[in-house]
N, C-alpha and C. Protein backbone atom coordinates (compact mmCIF):
# COMPACT_ATOMS: atom_id res chain seq x y z
N MET A 1 63.89 105.17 175.49
CA MET A 1 64.88 106.20 175.77
C MET A 1 65.85 105.69 176.83
N LEU A 2 67.10 106.03 176.69
CA LEU A 2 68.12 105.63 177.64
C LEU A 2 68.04 106.50 178.89
N LYS A 3 68.41 105.91 180.01
CA LYS A 3 68.38 106.68 181.26
C LYS A 3 69.59 107.59 181.35
N PRO A 4 69.48 108.71 182.08
CA PRO A 4 70.61 109.64 182.18
C PRO A 4 71.73 109.07 183.05
N CYS A 5 72.91 109.63 182.88
CA CYS A 5 74.09 109.20 183.62
C CYS A 5 73.90 109.49 185.11
N PRO A 6 74.15 108.50 185.98
CA PRO A 6 73.99 108.74 187.41
C PRO A 6 75.09 109.64 188.00
N ARG A 7 76.20 109.77 187.31
CA ARG A 7 77.31 110.57 187.81
C ARG A 7 77.16 112.05 187.46
N CYS A 8 76.94 112.35 186.17
CA CYS A 8 76.87 113.75 185.74
C CYS A 8 75.48 114.14 185.23
N GLU A 9 74.56 113.20 185.18
CA GLU A 9 73.17 113.40 184.74
C GLU A 9 73.06 113.87 183.29
N SER A 10 74.03 113.53 182.48
CA SER A 10 74.00 113.87 181.06
C SER A 10 73.03 112.94 180.34
N GLU A 11 72.44 113.44 179.28
CA GLU A 11 71.54 112.64 178.44
C GLU A 11 72.30 111.95 177.30
N ARG A 12 73.58 112.25 177.15
CA ARG A 12 74.40 111.66 176.07
C ARG A 12 74.94 110.31 176.53
N VAL A 13 74.09 109.30 176.44
CA VAL A 13 74.40 107.96 176.92
C VAL A 13 74.20 106.98 175.76
N VAL A 14 75.11 105.99 175.64
CA VAL A 14 74.98 104.98 174.59
C VAL A 14 74.98 103.58 175.21
N TYR A 15 74.38 102.64 174.51
CA TYR A 15 74.39 101.25 174.93
C TYR A 15 75.70 100.62 174.45
N CYS A 16 76.37 99.86 175.30
CA CYS A 16 77.73 99.40 175.01
C CYS A 16 77.81 98.21 174.05
N ASN A 17 77.14 97.10 174.31
CA ASN A 17 77.22 95.89 173.47
C ASN A 17 78.62 95.30 173.38
N TYR A 18 79.43 95.41 174.42
CA TYR A 18 80.78 94.88 174.37
C TYR A 18 80.80 93.36 174.18
N GLY A 19 79.95 92.66 174.91
CA GLY A 19 79.91 91.21 174.83
C GLY A 19 79.51 90.71 173.45
N LYS A 20 78.50 91.37 172.85
CA LYS A 20 78.06 90.96 171.52
C LYS A 20 79.14 91.21 170.47
N ARG A 21 79.83 92.31 170.58
CA ARG A 21 80.89 92.62 169.61
C ARG A 21 82.02 91.60 169.68
N ILE A 22 82.49 91.36 170.89
CA ILE A 22 83.61 90.44 171.07
C ILE A 22 83.18 89.01 170.75
N GLY A 23 82.01 88.61 171.23
CA GLY A 23 81.51 87.26 170.97
C GLY A 23 81.30 87.00 169.49
N GLY A 24 80.75 87.97 168.78
CA GLY A 24 80.55 87.82 167.34
C GLY A 24 81.84 87.70 166.57
N THR A 25 82.83 88.51 166.93
CA THR A 25 84.12 88.47 166.25
C THR A 25 84.86 87.15 166.50
N VAL A 26 84.94 86.77 167.78
CA VAL A 26 85.64 85.52 168.12
C VAL A 26 84.91 84.32 167.52
N GLY A 27 83.59 84.31 167.58
CA GLY A 27 82.82 83.21 167.00
C GLY A 27 83.00 83.10 165.50
N THR A 28 83.05 84.23 164.82
CA THR A 28 83.23 84.22 163.37
C THR A 28 84.59 83.65 162.98
N VAL A 29 85.64 84.12 163.64
CA VAL A 29 86.99 83.66 163.32
C VAL A 29 87.14 82.17 163.66
N ALA A 30 86.69 81.79 164.84
CA ALA A 30 86.80 80.38 165.25
C ALA A 30 85.98 79.47 164.34
N GLY A 31 84.78 79.89 163.97
CA GLY A 31 83.94 79.09 163.09
C GLY A 31 84.54 78.96 161.70
N ALA A 32 85.16 80.02 161.20
CA ALA A 32 85.78 79.97 159.87
C ALA A 32 86.95 79.00 159.84
N PHE A 33 87.81 79.08 160.85
CA PHE A 33 88.94 78.15 160.90
C PHE A 33 88.49 76.71 161.08
N SER A 34 87.53 76.51 161.95
CA SER A 34 87.02 75.16 162.19
C SER A 34 86.36 74.59 160.95
N GLY A 35 85.51 75.38 160.30
CA GLY A 35 84.83 74.92 159.10
C GLY A 35 85.79 74.62 157.97
N ALA A 36 86.79 75.47 157.78
CA ALA A 36 87.76 75.26 156.71
C ALA A 36 88.61 74.03 156.96
N SER A 37 89.06 73.83 158.19
CA SER A 37 89.95 72.70 158.46
C SER A 37 89.22 71.37 158.35
N THR A 38 87.99 71.28 158.84
CA THR A 38 87.28 70.00 158.73
C THR A 38 86.88 69.71 157.30
N THR A 39 86.58 70.74 156.53
CA THR A 39 86.21 70.52 155.14
C THR A 39 87.41 70.10 154.30
N VAL A 40 88.57 70.66 154.58
CA VAL A 40 89.78 70.29 153.84
C VAL A 40 90.10 68.82 154.07
N THR A 41 90.01 68.35 155.30
CA THR A 41 90.30 66.94 155.54
C THR A 41 89.28 66.04 154.87
N GLY A 42 88.03 66.45 154.86
CA GLY A 42 87.01 65.67 154.17
C GLY A 42 87.21 65.65 152.67
N ALA A 43 87.61 66.78 152.10
CA ALA A 43 87.86 66.85 150.66
C ALA A 43 89.07 66.01 150.28
N ALA A 44 90.10 66.03 151.12
CA ALA A 44 91.29 65.22 150.84
C ALA A 44 90.96 63.74 150.89
N ALA A 45 90.15 63.33 151.84
CA ALA A 45 89.74 61.93 151.93
C ALA A 45 88.90 61.54 150.72
N GLY A 46 88.01 62.44 150.29
CA GLY A 46 87.19 62.16 149.11
C GLY A 46 88.02 62.06 147.85
N ALA A 47 89.05 62.90 147.74
CA ALA A 47 89.92 62.84 146.57
C ALA A 47 90.69 61.53 146.53
N ARG A 48 91.08 61.02 147.68
CA ARG A 48 91.78 59.74 147.73
C ARG A 48 90.87 58.59 147.32
N LEU A 49 89.57 58.73 147.56
CA LEU A 49 88.64 57.65 147.24
C LEU A 49 88.16 57.70 145.79
N GLY A 50 88.63 58.66 145.02
CA GLY A 50 88.32 58.64 143.60
C GLY A 50 87.41 59.74 143.11
N VAL A 51 87.36 60.87 143.80
CA VAL A 51 86.57 62.00 143.32
C VAL A 51 87.22 62.51 142.04
N VAL A 52 86.41 62.89 141.07
CA VAL A 52 86.91 63.29 139.76
C VAL A 52 87.79 64.54 139.86
N ALA A 53 87.40 65.53 140.64
CA ALA A 53 88.20 66.75 140.76
C ALA A 53 89.47 66.44 141.52
N GLY A 54 90.50 67.16 141.20
CA GLY A 54 91.79 66.95 141.86
C GLY A 54 91.75 67.35 143.32
N ASN A 55 92.72 66.91 144.06
CA ASN A 55 92.80 67.15 145.50
C ASN A 55 92.86 68.65 145.81
N LYS A 56 93.63 69.41 145.03
CA LYS A 56 93.76 70.83 145.31
C LYS A 56 92.46 71.57 145.02
N VAL A 57 91.82 71.25 143.91
CA VAL A 57 90.57 71.92 143.55
C VAL A 57 89.49 71.60 144.58
N ALA A 58 89.35 70.34 144.91
CA ALA A 58 88.33 69.95 145.89
C ALA A 58 88.64 70.53 147.25
N GLY A 59 89.90 70.54 147.62
CA GLY A 59 90.30 71.08 148.92
C GLY A 59 90.04 72.58 149.03
N LEU A 60 90.39 73.33 147.98
CA LEU A 60 90.18 74.78 148.02
C LEU A 60 88.70 75.14 148.00
N ALA A 61 87.94 74.48 147.16
CA ALA A 61 86.50 74.76 147.11
C ALA A 61 85.83 74.37 148.41
N GLY A 62 86.20 73.22 148.94
CA GLY A 62 85.62 72.78 150.20
C GLY A 62 86.02 73.67 151.35
N ALA A 63 87.25 74.13 151.36
CA ALA A 63 87.71 75.01 152.43
C ALA A 63 86.97 76.34 152.40
N GLY A 64 86.76 76.87 151.21
CA GLY A 64 86.03 78.13 151.09
C GLY A 64 84.60 78.02 151.57
N LEU A 65 83.91 76.97 151.12
CA LEU A 65 82.53 76.76 151.54
C LEU A 65 82.45 76.46 153.03
N GLY A 66 83.36 75.65 153.52
CA GLY A 66 83.38 75.32 154.94
C GLY A 66 83.67 76.54 155.80
N ALA A 67 84.57 77.40 155.33
CA ALA A 67 84.90 78.60 156.09
C ALA A 67 83.71 79.54 156.19
N VAL A 68 82.97 79.70 155.10
CA VAL A 68 81.81 80.59 155.11
C VAL A 68 80.71 80.06 156.02
N THR A 69 80.38 78.78 155.88
CA THR A 69 79.31 78.23 156.73
C THR A 69 79.76 78.15 158.19
N GLY A 70 81.02 77.82 158.43
CA GLY A 70 81.52 77.80 159.80
C GLY A 70 81.53 79.18 160.42
N ALA A 71 81.91 80.19 159.64
CA ALA A 71 81.93 81.56 160.14
C ALA A 71 80.53 82.03 160.50
N LEU A 72 79.56 81.70 159.67
CA LEU A 72 78.18 82.09 159.95
C LEU A 72 77.67 81.44 161.23
N ALA A 73 77.89 80.15 161.36
CA ALA A 73 77.44 79.44 162.57
C ALA A 73 78.17 79.96 163.80
N GLY A 74 79.46 80.20 163.69
CA GLY A 74 80.24 80.72 164.81
C GLY A 74 79.81 82.12 165.21
N CYS A 75 79.49 82.94 164.23
CA CYS A 75 79.05 84.31 164.50
C CYS A 75 77.73 84.31 165.25
N ILE A 76 76.79 83.48 164.81
CA ILE A 76 75.48 83.41 165.49
C ILE A 76 75.65 82.94 166.92
N ALA A 77 76.45 81.90 167.12
CA ALA A 77 76.68 81.40 168.48
C ALA A 77 77.39 82.45 169.34
N GLY A 78 78.37 83.14 168.77
CA GLY A 78 79.09 84.17 169.51
C GLY A 78 78.21 85.35 169.89
N LEU A 79 77.31 85.75 168.99
CA LEU A 79 76.40 86.85 169.29
C LEU A 79 75.43 86.48 170.41
N ARG A 80 74.94 85.25 170.38
CA ARG A 80 74.01 84.82 171.44
C ARG A 80 74.71 84.77 172.80
N LEU A 81 75.92 84.23 172.81
CA LEU A 81 76.67 84.18 174.06
C LEU A 81 77.04 85.59 174.53
N GLY A 82 77.43 86.44 173.60
CA GLY A 82 77.77 87.83 173.94
C GLY A 82 76.59 88.60 174.49
N LYS A 83 75.40 88.35 173.96
CA LYS A 83 74.21 89.01 174.47
C LYS A 83 73.95 88.61 175.92
N LEU A 84 74.13 87.32 176.21
CA LEU A 84 73.98 86.85 177.59
C LEU A 84 74.99 87.52 178.52
N VAL A 85 76.23 87.62 178.07
CA VAL A 85 77.27 88.26 178.88
C VAL A 85 76.93 89.73 179.10
N ASP A 86 76.46 90.41 178.06
CA ASP A 86 76.06 91.81 178.19
C ASP A 86 74.96 91.98 179.23
N GLU A 87 73.97 91.13 179.17
CA GLU A 87 72.82 91.27 180.05
C GLU A 87 73.12 90.90 181.50
N GLN A 88 74.00 89.93 181.70
CA GLN A 88 74.22 89.40 183.05
C GLN A 88 75.47 89.95 183.75
N LEU A 89 76.53 90.25 183.02
CA LEU A 89 77.81 90.56 183.66
C LEU A 89 78.31 91.98 183.47
N LEU A 90 78.16 92.53 182.29
CA LEU A 90 78.81 93.80 181.96
C LEU A 90 77.89 94.99 182.19
N CYS A 91 78.51 96.16 182.25
CA CYS A 91 77.75 97.40 182.33
C CYS A 91 77.03 97.64 181.01
N HIS A 92 75.81 98.11 181.09
CA HIS A 92 74.99 98.28 179.89
C HIS A 92 75.24 99.60 179.16
N PHE A 93 75.52 100.66 179.89
CA PHE A 93 75.57 101.99 179.31
C PHE A 93 76.91 102.68 179.56
N ARG A 94 77.21 103.66 178.68
CA ARG A 94 78.41 104.48 178.83
C ARG A 94 78.02 105.92 178.55
N CYS A 95 78.45 106.82 179.43
CA CYS A 95 78.20 108.24 179.26
C CYS A 95 79.26 108.83 178.33
N LEU A 96 78.82 109.59 177.34
CA LEU A 96 79.75 110.20 176.39
C LEU A 96 80.43 111.45 176.94
N ASP A 97 79.88 112.04 178.02
CA ASP A 97 80.48 113.23 178.59
C ASP A 97 81.54 112.91 179.63
N CYS A 98 81.18 112.11 180.66
CA CYS A 98 82.15 111.82 181.73
C CYS A 98 82.76 110.42 181.60
N ARG A 99 82.34 109.65 180.59
CA ARG A 99 82.87 108.31 180.28
C ARG A 99 82.61 107.27 181.38
N ALA A 100 81.62 107.51 182.19
CA ALA A 100 81.26 106.55 183.24
C ALA A 100 80.51 105.37 182.63
N HIS A 101 80.74 104.18 183.19
CA HIS A 101 80.00 102.98 182.79
C HIS A 101 79.02 102.63 183.90
N PHE A 102 77.79 102.32 183.53
CA PHE A 102 76.79 101.94 184.53
C PHE A 102 75.79 100.99 183.94
């Protein structure tokens, strides 16, 4: 059970998770861009070396797969970092009645 608000003593208190939300979002976006860009360059190099599929097909397929795996890895890393930030730096709770953070 969550503790009551120290300001108004209301029981309507929620856990914030600000760090996890922001970390997960930023990690997902950064991982997707990173995964897509590195995969596109690898696919282009492979197409130059004689891969049967054309450069555009290999590049698009590789970018899609790279974006998904990069987004997943980035999201996991962002959530872990965000959890640390939540626990160490930010306020844990918010009162729904007086909007106090504690």
